[in-house]
């Protein structure tokens, strides 16, 4: 769990940096797109980790599982759309 917490913290710092770059006044469209793509990848990673970790909990409701699965599906779909527009 400690490794995952460190990984999530690292992702959070990287996301913060990406958002700052994306929102900079001199940021061009290509750089914004690359930031969006990386942010989408990180969202998929976080969603996968959350779904994996939920099984370690003592009591998990079906609603929570459904929410986490839907969240992962939405993150994957968003990433897929971004990848399609990059080609």
Protein backbone atom coordinates (compact mmCIF):
# COMPACT_ATOMS: atom_id res chain seq x y z
CA UNK A 1 0.00 0.00 0.00
CA UNK A 2 2.89 2.34 0.71
CA UNK A 3 4.19 1.91 -2.85
CA UNK A 4 0.76 2.72 -4.22
CA UNK A 5 0.48 5.81 -2.04
CA UNK A 6 3.86 6.98 -3.31
CA UNK A 7 2.79 6.24 -6.89
CA UNK A 8 -0.44 8.19 -6.45
CA UNK A 9 1.47 11.10 -4.93
CA UNK A 10 3.87 11.10 -7.88
CA UNK A 11 0.97 11.01 -10.34
CA UNK A 12 -0.66 13.90 -8.48
CA UNK A 13 2.48 16.01 -8.77
CA UNK A 14 2.80 15.20 -12.47
CA UNK A 15 -0.86 16.04 -13.05
CA UNK A 16 -0.41 19.36 -11.28
CA UNK A 17 2.55 20.19 -13.53
CA UNK A 18 0.60 19.17 -16.64
CA UNK A 19 -2.35 21.37 -15.66
CA UNK A 20 -0.03 24.33 -15.08
CA UNK A 21 1.56 23.82 -18.52
CA UNK A 22 -1.86 23.37 -20.16
CA UNK A 23 -3.26 26.54 -18.61
CA UNK A 24 -0.23 28.71 -19.33
CA UNK A 25 -1.10 31.69 -21.56
CA UNK A 26 1.60 30.83 -24.09
CA UNK A 27 0.67 27.14 -24.41
CA UNK A 28 0.04 26.06 -28.01
CA UNK A 29 -2.70 23.65 -29.10
CA UNK A 30 -0.33 20.71 -29.62
CA UNK A 31 1.09 21.04 -26.12
CA UNK A 32 -2.43 21.33 -24.68
CA UNK A 33 -3.41 18.14 -26.51
CA UNK A 34 -0.33 16.31 -25.21
CA UNK A 35 -1.17 17.44 -21.66
CA UNK A 36 -4.78 16.26 -22.09
CA UNK A 37 -3.52 12.90 -23.33
CA UNK A 38 -1.19 12.42 -20.36
CA UNK A 39 -3.90 13.50 -17.92
CA UNK A 40 -6.26 10.95 -19.47
CA UNK A 41 -3.63 8.22 -19.07
CA UNK A 42 -3.18 9.12 -15.42
CA UNK A 43 -6.95 9.00 -14.89
CA UNK A 44 -7.03 5.44 -16.26
CA UNK A 45 -4.17 4.45 -13.95
CA UNK A 46 -5.89 5.96 -10.90
CA UNK A 47 -9.19 4.30 -11.79
CA UNK A 48 -7.50 0.92 -12.22
CA UNK A 49 -5.77 1.28 -8.86
CA UNK A 50 -9.01 2.26 -7.12
CA UNK A 51 -10.87 -0.72 -8.57
CA UNK A 52 -8.07 -3.09 -7.62
CA UNK A 53 -7.87 -1.73 -4.07
CA UNK A 54 -11.60 -1.90 -3.44
CA UNK A 55 -11.34 -5.68 -3.24
CA UNK A 56 -9.07 -5.28 -0.19
CA UNK A 57 -11.84 -3.55 1.72
CA UNK A 58 -13.86 -5.53 4.22
CA UNK A 59 -17.27 -4.33 3.06
CA UNK A 60 -17.86 -3.24 -0.52
CA UNK A 61 -21.29 -2.30 -1.76
CA UNK A 62 -22.43 -3.20 -5.27
CA UNK A 63 -23.01 0.51 -5.88
CA UNK A 64 -19.38 1.31 -5.07
CA UNK A 65 -18.14 -1.43 -7.41
CA UNK A 66 -20.44 -0.19 -10.16
CA UNK A 67 -19.26 3.38 -9.65
CA UNK A 68 -15.58 2.38 -9.85
CA UNK A 69 -16.17 0.23 -12.92
CA UNK A 70 -18.10 3.03 -14.62
CA UNK A 71 -15.36 5.50 -13.70
CA UNK A 72 -12.70 3.24 -15.23
CA UNK A 73 -14.81 2.69 -18.34
CA UNK A 74 -15.32 6.44 -18.78
CA UNK A 75 -11.60 7.11 -18.32
CA UNK A 76 -10.69 4.45 -20.88
CA UNK A 77 -13.25 5.79 -23.34
CA UNK A 78 -11.95 9.36 -22.95
CA UNK A 79 -8.38 8.18 -23.54
CA UNK A 80 -9.48 6.17 -26.57
CA UNK A 81 -11.18 9.24 -28.10
CA UNK A 82 -8.08 11.35 -27.55
CA UNK A 83 -5.88 8.70 -29.14
CA UNK A 84 -8.22 8.48 -32.14
CA UNK A 85 -8.03 12.23 -32.72
CA UNK A 86 -4.24 12.13 -32.58
CA UNK A 87 -4.04 9.92 -35.66
